[in-house]
Amino acid sequence: MFNKFKRWKPKGKMYSLRCFQCGSGFLSSFNLEAPICGKCIQKAKSLDSTVDYEKECSKCGNRGVIYGKAMCHSCYFGFEKQG
């Protein structure tokens, strides 16, 4: 039997947090030390995937660094070739 007045309730604790980037409030099931909302995390992810091809990597010298960084994806994330 389906009860249309029965509501979903989260298991465990819920925390009301404020984003340290934009200041908007959001709910999380984790008590985060540095809370960041979904909108700001998407902005940060998109900046990490943007490549600036005019600059050279400070570690390997190849062109194409992550926007706002000084290294390419391979060096920044530790994917450089071994050997």
PDB file of N, CA and C in Angstrom:
ATOM      1  N   MET A   1       0.841  -1.181   0.000  1.00  0.00           N
ATOM      2  CA  MET A   1       0.000   0.000   0.000  1.00  0.00           C
ATOM      3  C   MET A   1       0.883   1.240   0.000  1.00  0.00           C
ATOM      4  N   PHE A   2       0.640   2.148  -0.882  1.00  0.00           N
ATOM      5  CA  PHE A   2       1.412   3.378  -1.025  1.00  0.00           C
ATOM      6  C   PHE A   2       0.745   4.485  -0.227  1.00  0.00           C
ATOM      7  N   ASN A   3       1.507   5.119   0.644  1.00  0.00           N
ATOM      8  CA  ASN A   3       0.997   6.219   1.442  1.00  0.00           C
ATOM      9  C   ASN A   3       1.557   7.523   0.888  1.00  0.00           C
ATOM     10  N   LYS A   4       0.709   8.337   0.273  1.00  0.00           N
ATOM     11  CA  LYS A   4       1.195   9.554  -0.361  1.00  0.00           C
ATOM     12  C   LYS A   4       1.596  10.633   0.644  1.00  0.00           C
ATOM     13  N   PHE A   5       1.288  10.459   1.904  1.00  0.00           N
ATOM     14  CA  PHE A   5       1.670  11.434   2.920  1.00  0.00           C
ATOM     15  C   PHE A   5       2.963  11.056   3.634  1.00  0.00           C
ATOM     16  N   LYS A   6       3.490   9.872   3.323  1.00  0.00           N
ATOM     17  CA  LYS A   6       4.741   9.441   3.932  1.00  0.00           C
ATOM     18  C   LYS A   6       5.890  10.151   3.228  1.00  0.00           C
ATOM     19  N   ARG A   7       6.787  10.730   3.989  1.00  0.00           N
ATOM     20  CA  ARG A   7       7.902  11.485   3.423  1.00  0.00           C
ATOM     21  C   ARG A   7       9.216  10.771   3.669  1.00  0.00           C
ATOM     22  N   TRP A   8      10.145  11.020   2.753  1.00  0.00           N
ATOM     23  CA  TRP A   8      11.488  10.482   2.889  1.00  0.00           C
ATOM     24  C   TRP A   8      12.231  11.263   3.961  1.00  0.00           C
ATOM     25  N   LYS A   9      12.942  10.550   4.810  1.00  0.00           N
ATOM     26  CA  LYS A   9      13.747  11.179   5.846  1.00  0.00           C
ATOM     27  C   LYS A   9      15.175  10.669   5.718  1.00  0.00           C
ATOM     28  N   PRO A  10      16.156  11.557   5.795  1.00  0.00           N
ATOM     29  CA  PRO A  10      17.549  11.117   5.672  1.00  0.00           C
ATOM     30  C   PRO A  10      17.983  10.309   6.883  1.00  0.00           C
ATOM     31  N   LYS A  11      18.859   9.337   6.635  1.00  0.00           N
ATOM     32  CA  LYS A  11      19.433   8.564   7.735  1.00  0.00           C
ATOM     33  C   LYS A  11      20.676   9.294   8.229  1.00  0.00           C
ATOM     34  N   GLY A  12      20.872   9.355   9.488  1.00  0.00           N
ATOM     35  CA  GLY A  12      22.025  10.037  10.049  1.00  0.00           C
ATOM     36  C   GLY A  12      21.785  11.520  10.224  1.00  0.00           C
ATOM     37  N   LYS A  13      22.864  12.248  10.497  1.00  0.00           N
ATOM     38  CA  LYS A  13      22.765  13.684  10.744  1.00  0.00           C
ATOM     39  C   LYS A  13      22.841  14.461   9.443  1.00  0.00           C
ATOM     40  N   MET A  14      22.196  15.619   9.428  1.00  0.00           N
ATOM     41  CA  MET A  14      22.286  16.562   8.323  1.00  0.00           C
ATOM     42  C   MET A  14      22.862  17.863   8.879  1.00  0.00           C
ATOM     43  N   TYR A  15      23.752  18.478   8.127  1.00  0.00           N
ATOM     44  CA  TYR A  15      24.399  19.704   8.563  1.00  0.00           C
ATOM     45  C   TYR A  15      24.009  20.853   7.635  1.00  0.00           C
ATOM     46  N   SER A  16      23.669  21.965   8.217  1.00  0.00           N
ATOM     47  CA  SER A  16      23.380  23.173   7.460  1.00  0.00           C
ATOM     48  C   SER A  16      24.678  23.970   7.384  1.00  0.00           C
ATOM     49  N   LEU A  17      25.204  24.127   6.169  1.00  0.00           N
ATOM     50  CA  LEU A  17      26.502  24.762   5.978  1.00  0.00           C
ATOM     51  C   LEU A  17      26.368  26.002   5.102  1.00  0.00           C
ATOM     52  N   ARG A  18      27.371  26.848   5.157  1.00  0.00           N
ATOM     53  CA  ARG A  18      27.419  28.041   4.322  1.00  0.00           C
ATOM     54  C   ARG A  18      28.686  27.951   3.470  1.00  0.00           C
ATOM     55  N   CYS A  19      28.518  28.126   2.161  1.00  0.00           N
ATOM     56  CA  CYS A  19      29.626  28.037   1.208  1.00  0.00           C
ATOM     57  C   CYS A  19      30.645  29.139   1.496  1.00  0.00           C
ATOM     58  N   PHE A  20      31.922  28.769   1.561  1.00  0.00           N
ATOM     59  CA  PHE A  20      32.933  29.771   1.855  1.00  0.00           C
ATOM     60  C   PHE A  20      33.313  30.577   0.616  1.00  0.00           C
ATOM     61  N   GLN A  21      32.856  30.176  -0.578  1.00  0.00           N
ATOM     62  CA  GLN A  21      33.131  30.932  -1.799  1.00  0.00           C
ATOM     63  C   GLN A  21      32.078  32.018  -2.034  1.00  0.00           C
ATOM     64  N   CYS A  22      30.795  31.600  -2.097  1.00  0.00           N
ATOM     65  CA  CYS A  22      29.739  32.555  -2.448  1.00  0.00           C
ATOM     66  C   CYS A  22      28.833  32.922  -1.272  1.00  0.00           C
ATOM     67  N   GLY A  23      28.872  32.155  -0.185  1.00  0.00           N
ATOM     68  CA  GLY A  23      28.093  32.486   0.998  1.00  0.00           C
ATOM     69  C   GLY A  23      26.689  31.907   1.033  1.00  0.00           C
ATOM     70  N   SER A  24      26.295  31.132   0.009  1.00  0.00           N
ATOM     71  CA  SER A  24      24.948  30.551   0.012  1.00  0.00           C
ATOM     72  C   SER A  24      24.897  29.333   0.935  1.00  0.00           C
ATOM     73  N   GLY A  25      23.721  29.079   1.495  1.00  0.00           N
ATOM     74  CA  GLY A  25      23.541  27.958   2.401  1.00  0.00           C
ATOM     75  C   GLY A  25      23.165  26.686   1.652  1.00  0.00           C
ATOM     76  N   PHE A  26      23.579  25.535   2.184  1.00  0.00           N
ATOM     77  CA  PHE A  26      23.221  24.244   1.609  1.00  0.00           C
ATOM     78  C   PHE A  26      23.274  23.176   2.687  1.00  0.00           C
ATOM     79  N   LEU A  27      22.669  22.034   2.413  1.00  0.00           N
ATOM     80  CA  LEU A  27      22.648  20.912   3.346  1.00  0.00           C
ATOM     81  C   LEU A  27      23.640  19.850   2.928  1.00  0.00           C
ATOM     82  N   SER A  28      24.241  19.196   3.894  1.00  0.00           N
ATOM     83  CA  SER A  28      25.172  18.115   3.621  1.00  0.00           C
ATOM     84  C   SER A  28      25.061  17.067   4.716  1.00  0.00           C
ATOM     85  N   SER A  29      25.326  15.824   4.349  1.00  0.00           N
ATOM     86  CA  SER A  29      25.332  14.773   5.362  1.00  0.00           C
ATOM     87  C   SER A  29      26.709  14.646   6.003  1.00  0.00           C
ATOM     88  N   PHE A  30      27.654  15.483   5.556  1.00  0.00           N
ATOM     89  CA  PHE A  30      29.000  15.488   6.127  1.00  0.00           C
ATOM     90  C   PHE A  30      29.275  16.854   6.742  1.00  0.00           C
ATOM     91  N   ASN A  31      29.968  16.883   7.871  1.00  0.00           N
ATOM     92  CA  ASN A  31      30.359  18.135   8.510  1.00  0.00           C
ATOM     93  C   ASN A  31      31.698  18.553   7.912  1.00  0.00           C
ATOM     94  N   LEU A  32      31.645  19.325   6.849  1.00  0.00           N
ATOM     95  CA  LEU A  32      32.836  19.691   6.091  1.00  0.00           C
ATOM     96  C   LEU A  32      33.611  20.815   6.768  1.00  0.00           C
ATOM     97  N   GLU A  33      34.951  20.728   6.740  1.00  0.00           N
ATOM     98  CA  GLU A  33      35.785  21.783   7.303  1.00  0.00           C
ATOM     99  C   GLU A  33      35.804  23.009   6.398  1.00  0.00           C
ATOM    100  N   ALA A  34      35.826  22.782   5.084  1.00  0.00           N
ATOM    101  CA  ALA A  34      35.820  23.871   4.106  1.00  0.00           C
ATOM    102  C   ALA A  34      34.626  23.658   3.183  1.00  0.00           C
ATOM    103  N   PRO A  35      33.424  24.056   3.619  1.00  0.00           N
ATOM    104  CA  PRO A  35      32.228  23.791   2.813  1.00  0.00           C
ATOM    105  C   PRO A  35      32.209  24.582   1.517  1.00  0.00           C
ATOM    106  N   ILE A  36      31.828  23.915   0.431  1.00  0.00           N
ATOM    107  CA  ILE A  36      31.693  24.550  -0.871  1.00  0.00           C
ATOM    108  C   ILE A  36      30.446  23.976  -1.532  1.00  0.00           C
ATOM    109  N   CYS A  37      29.591  24.850  -2.042  1.00  0.00           N
ATOM    110  CA  CYS A  37      28.318  24.413  -2.621  1.00  0.00           C
ATOM    111  C   CYS A  37      28.528  23.795  -4.001  1.00  0.00           C
ATOM    112  N   GLY A  38      27.501  23.176  -4.532  1.00  0.00           N
ATOM    113  CA  GLY A  38      27.582  22.507  -5.822  1.00  0.00           C
ATOM    114  C   GLY A  38      27.895  23.434  -6.974  1.00  0.00           C
ATOM    115  N   LYS A  39      27.359  24.647  -6.941  1.00  0.00           N
ATOM    116  CA  LYS A  39      27.604  25.605  -8.019  1.00  0.00           C
ATOM    117  C   LYS A  39      29.077  26.021  -8.048  1.00  0.00           C
ATOM    118  N   CYS A  40      29.653  26.296  -6.886  1.00  0.00           N
ATOM    119  CA  CYS A  40      31.058  26.711  -6.823  1.00  0.00           C
ATOM    120  C   CYS A  40      32.000  25.560  -7.138  1.00  0.00           C
ATOM    121  N   ILE A  41      31.645  24.333  -6.757  1.00  0.00           N
ATOM    122  CA  ILE A  41      32.504  23.188  -7.069  1.00  0.00           C
ATOM    123  C   ILE A  41      32.535  22.936  -8.569  1.00  0.00           C
ATOM    124  N   GLN A  42      31.418  23.189  -9.256  1.00  0.00           N
ATOM    125  CA  GLN A  42      31.402  23.050 -10.714  1.00  0.00           C
ATOM    126  C   GLN A  42      32.289  24.098 -11.372  1.00  0.00           C
ATOM    127  N   LYS A  43      32.301  25.321 -10.842  1.00  0.00           N
ATOM    128  CA  LYS A  43      33.187  26.357 -11.375  1.00  0.00           C
ATOM    129  C   LYS A  43      34.642  25.955 -11.197  1.00  0.00           C
ATOM    130  N   ALA A  44      34.975  25.431 -10.025  1.00  0.00           N
ATOM    131  CA  ALA A  44      36.352  25.010  -9.756  1.00  0.00           C
ATOM    132  C   ALA A  44      36.758  23.859 -10.668  1.00  0.00           C
ATOM    133  N   LYS A  45      35.848  22.912 -10.892  1.00  0.00           N
ATOM    134  CA  LYS A  45      36.146  21.789 -11.779  1.00  0.00           C
ATOM    135  C   LYS A  45      36.361  22.257 -13.204  1.00  0.00           C
ATOM    136  N   SER A  46      35.552  23.196 -13.671  1.00  0.00           N
ATOM    137  CA  SER A  46      35.696  23.665 -15.044  1.00  0.00           C
ATOM    138  C   SER A  46      37.004  24.432 -15.222  1.00  0.00           C
ATOM    139  N   LEU A  47      37.452  25.167 -14.198  1.00  0.00           N
ATOM    140  CA  LEU A  47      38.737  25.856 -14.295  1.00  0.00           C
ATOM    141  C   LEU A  47      39.890  24.871 -14.335  1.00  0.00           C
ATOM    142  N   ASP A  48      39.801  23.750 -13.598  1.00  0.00           N
ATOM    143  CA  ASP A  48      40.854  22.744 -13.613  1.00  0.00           C
ATOM    144  C   ASP A  48      40.919  22.010 -14.944  1.00  0.00           C
ATOM    145  N   SER A  49      39.838  21.995 -15.721  1.00  0.00           N
ATOM    146  CA  SER A  49      39.860  21.320 -17.008  1.00  0.00           C
ATOM    147  C   SER A  49      40.180  22.279 -18.146  1.00  0.00           C
ATOM    148  N   THR A  50      40.329  23.581 -17.866  1.00  0.00           N
ATOM    149  CA  THR A  50      40.676  24.563 -18.886  1.00  0.00           C
ATOM    150  C   THR A  50      42.190  24.610 -19.036  1.00  0.00           C
ATOM    151  N   VAL A  51      42.650  24.552 -20.290  1.00  0.00           N
ATOM    152  CA  VAL A  51      44.079  24.516 -20.564  1.00  0.00           C
ATOM    153  C   VAL A  51      44.504  25.801 -21.250  1.00  0.00           C
ATOM    154  N   ASP A  52      45.588  26.386 -20.765  1.00  0.00           N
ATOM    155  CA  ASP A  52      46.171  27.582 -21.356  1.00  0.00           C
ATOM    156  C   ASP A  52      47.381  27.150 -22.179  1.00  0.00           C
ATOM    157  N   TYR A  53      47.249  27.145 -23.509  1.00  0.00           N
ATOM    158  CA  TYR A  53      48.302  26.633 -24.390  1.00  0.00           C
ATOM    159  C   TYR A  53      49.409  27.651 -24.666  1.00  0.00           C
ATOM    160  N   GLU A  54      49.280  28.863 -24.161  1.00  0.00           N
ATOM    161  CA  GLU A  54      50.318  29.864 -24.386  1.00  0.00           C
ATOM    162  C   GLU A  54      51.451  29.761 -23.374  1.00  0.00           C
ATOM    163  N   LYS A  55      51.246  29.045 -22.290  1.00  0.00           N
ATOM    164  CA  LYS A  55      52.270  28.920 -21.253  1.00  0.00           C
ATOM    165  C   LYS A  55      52.915  27.542 -21.301  1.00  0.00           C
ATOM    166  N   GLU A  56      54.148  27.455 -20.802  1.00  0.00           N
ATOM    167  CA  GLU A  56      54.877  26.195 -20.745  1.00  0.00           C
ATOM    168  C   GLU A  56      54.863  25.651 -19.317  1.00  0.00           C
ATOM    169  N   CYS A  57      54.841  24.327 -19.213  1.00  0.00           N
ATOM    170  CA  CYS A  57      54.869  23.652 -17.915  1.00  0.00           C
ATOM    171  C   CYS A  57      56.199  23.919 -17.230  1.00  0.00           C
ATOM    172  N   SER A  58      56.175  24.228 -15.950  1.00  0.00           N
ATOM    173  CA  SER A  58      57.398  24.525 -15.201  1.00  0.00           C
ATOM    174  C   SER A  58      58.210  23.265 -14.905  1.00  0.00           C
ATOM    175  N   LYS A  59      57.588  22.092 -15.029  1.00  0.00           N
ATOM    176  CA  LYS A  59      58.285  20.855 -14.703  1.00  0.00           C
ATOM    177  C   LYS A  59      58.855  20.156 -15.941  1.00  0.00           C
ATOM    178  N   CYS A  60      58.007  19.974 -16.979  1.00  0.00           N
ATOM    179  CA  CYS A  60      58.462  19.214 -18.154  1.00  0.00           C
ATOM    180  C   CYS A  60      58.720  20.096 -19.375  1.00  0.00           C
ATOM    181  N   GLY A  61      58.227  21.340 -19.396  1.00  0.00           N
ATOM    182  CA  GLY A  61      58.477  22.247 -20.497  1.00  0.00           C
ATOM    183  C   GLY A  61      57.490  22.161 -21.643  1.00  0.00           C
ATOM    184  N   ASN A  62      56.516  21.251 -21.586  1.00  0.00           N
ATOM    185  CA  ASN A  62      55.515  21.138 -22.652  1.00  0.00           C
ATOM    186  C   ASN A  62      54.542  22.302 -22.583  1.00  0.00           C
ATOM    187  N   ARG A  63      53.976  22.658 -23.741  1.00  0.00           N
ATOM    188  CA  ARG A  63      52.972  23.725 -23.795  1.00  0.00           C
ATOM    189  C   ARG A  63      51.624  23.183 -23.337  1.00  0.00           C
ATOM    190  N   GLY A  64      50.844  24.030 -22.678  1.00  0.00           N
ATOM    191  CA  GLY A  64      49.507  23.657 -22.223  1.00  0.00           C
ATOM    192  C   GLY A  64      49.466  23.383 -20.732  1.00  0.00           C
ATOM    193  N   VAL A  65      49.241  24.427 -19.953  1.00  0.00           N
ATOM    194  CA  VAL A  65      49.153  24.284 -18.495  1.00  0.00           C
ATOM    195  C   VAL A  65      47.711  24.463 -18.049  1.00  0.00           C
ATOM    196  N   ILE A  66      47.390  23.960 -16.885  1.00  0.00           N
ATOM    197  CA  ILE A  66      46.069  24.134 -16.297  1.00  0.00           C
ATOM    198  C   ILE A  66      45.889  25.612 -15.982  1.00  0.00           C
ATOM    199  N   TYR A  67      44.715  26.148 -16.273  1.00  0.00           N
ATOM    200  CA  TYR A  67      44.426  27.556 -16.046  1.00  0.00           C
ATOM    201  C   TYR A  67      44.697  27.935 -14.594  1.00  0.00           C
ATOM    202  N   GLY A  68      45.519  28.931 -14.389  1.00  0.00           N
ATOM    203  CA  GLY A  68      45.834  29.406 -13.048  1.00  0.00           C
ATOM    204  C   GLY A  68      46.931  28.610 -12.358  1.00  0.00           C
ATOM    205  N   LYS A  69      47.491  27.627 -13.018  1.00  0.00           N
ATOM    206  CA  LYS A  69      48.570  26.813 -12.442  1.00  0.00           C
ATOM    207  C   LYS A  69      49.815  26.987 -13.302  1.00  0.00           C
ATOM    208  N   ALA A  70      50.907  26.350 -12.944  1.00  0.00           N
ATOM    209  CA  ALA A  70      52.146  26.445 -13.719  1.00  0.00           C
ATOM    210  C   ALA A  70      52.558  25.102 -14.304  1.00  0.00           C
ATOM    211  N   MET A  71      51.707  24.063 -14.140  1.00  0.00           N
ATOM    212  CA  MET A  71      52.059  22.735 -14.638  1.00  0.00           C
ATOM    213  C   MET A  71      50.970  22.183 -15.548  1.00  0.00           C
ATOM    214  N   CYS A  72      51.368  21.246 -16.430  1.00  0.00           N
ATOM    215  CA  CYS A  72      50.403  20.568 -17.298  1.00  0.00           C
ATOM    216  C   CYS A  72      49.648  19.507 -16.484  1.00  0.00           C
ATOM    217  N   HIS A  73      48.607  18.910 -17.094  1.00  0.00           N
ATOM    218  CA  HIS A  73      47.819  17.895 -16.396  1.00  0.00           C
ATOM    219  C   HIS A  73      48.674  16.709 -15.947  1.00  0.00           C
ATOM    220  N   SER A  74      49.571  16.241 -16.826  1.00  0.00           N
ATOM    221  CA  SER A  74      50.389  15.071 -16.501  1.00  0.00           C
ATOM    222  C   SER A  74      51.254  15.300 -15.272  1.00  0.00           C
ATOM    223  N   CYS A  75      51.932  16.444 -15.220  1.00  0.00           N
ATOM    224  CA  CYS A  75      52.809  16.730 -14.076  1.00  0.00           C
ATOM    225  C   CYS A  75      52.005  17.069 -12.830  1.00  0.00           C
ATOM    226  N   TYR A  76      50.919  17.823 -12.987  1.00  0.00           N
ATOM    227  CA  TYR A  76      50.124  18.250 -11.838  1.00  0.00           C
ATOM    228  C   TYR A  76      49.486  17.063 -11.122  1.00  0.00           C
ATOM    229  N   PHE A  77      48.967  16.098 -11.897  1.00  0.00           N
ATOM    230  CA  PHE A  77      48.302  14.944 -11.298  1.00  0.00           C
ATOM    231  C   PHE A  77      49.224  13.747 -11.147  1.00  0.00           C
ATOM    232  N   GLY A  78      50.503  13.871 -11.509  1.00  0.00           N
ATOM    233  CA  GLY A  78      51.473  12.791 -11.319  1.00  0.00           C
ATOM    234  C   GLY A  78      51.384  11.697 -12.369  1.00  0.00           C
ATOM    235  N   PHE A  79      50.956  12.031 -13.602  1.00  0.00           N
ATOM    236  CA  PHE A  79      50.843  11.032 -14.661  1.00  0.00           C
ATOM    237  C   PHE A  79      52.066  10.999 -15.565  1.00  0.00           C
ATOM    238  N   GLU A  80      53.135  11.735 -15.219  1.00  0.00           N
ATOM    239  CA  GLU A  80      54.300  11.766 -16.093  1.00  0.00           C
ATOM    240  C   GLU A  80      54.861  10.364 -16.270  1.00  0.00           C
ATOM    241  N   LYS A  81      55.449  10.123 -17.425  1.00  0.00           N
ATOM    242  CA  LYS A  81      55.916   8.777 -17.767  1.00  0.00           C
ATOM    243  C   LYS A  81      57.125   8.400 -16.943  1.00  0.00           C
ATOM    244  N   GLN A  82      57.107   7.215 -16.431  1.00  0.00           N
ATOM    245  CA  GLN A  82      58.206   6.689 -15.636  1.00  0.00           C
ATOM    246  C   GLN A  82      59.185   5.982 -16.582  1.00  0.00           C
ATOM    247  N   GLY A  83      60.470   6.263 -16.454  1.00  0.00           N
ATOM    248  CA  GLY A  83      61.428   5.506 -17.242  1.00  0.00           C
ATOM    249  C   GLY A  83      62.109   6.332 -18.189  1.00  0.00           C
TER     250      GLY A  83
END
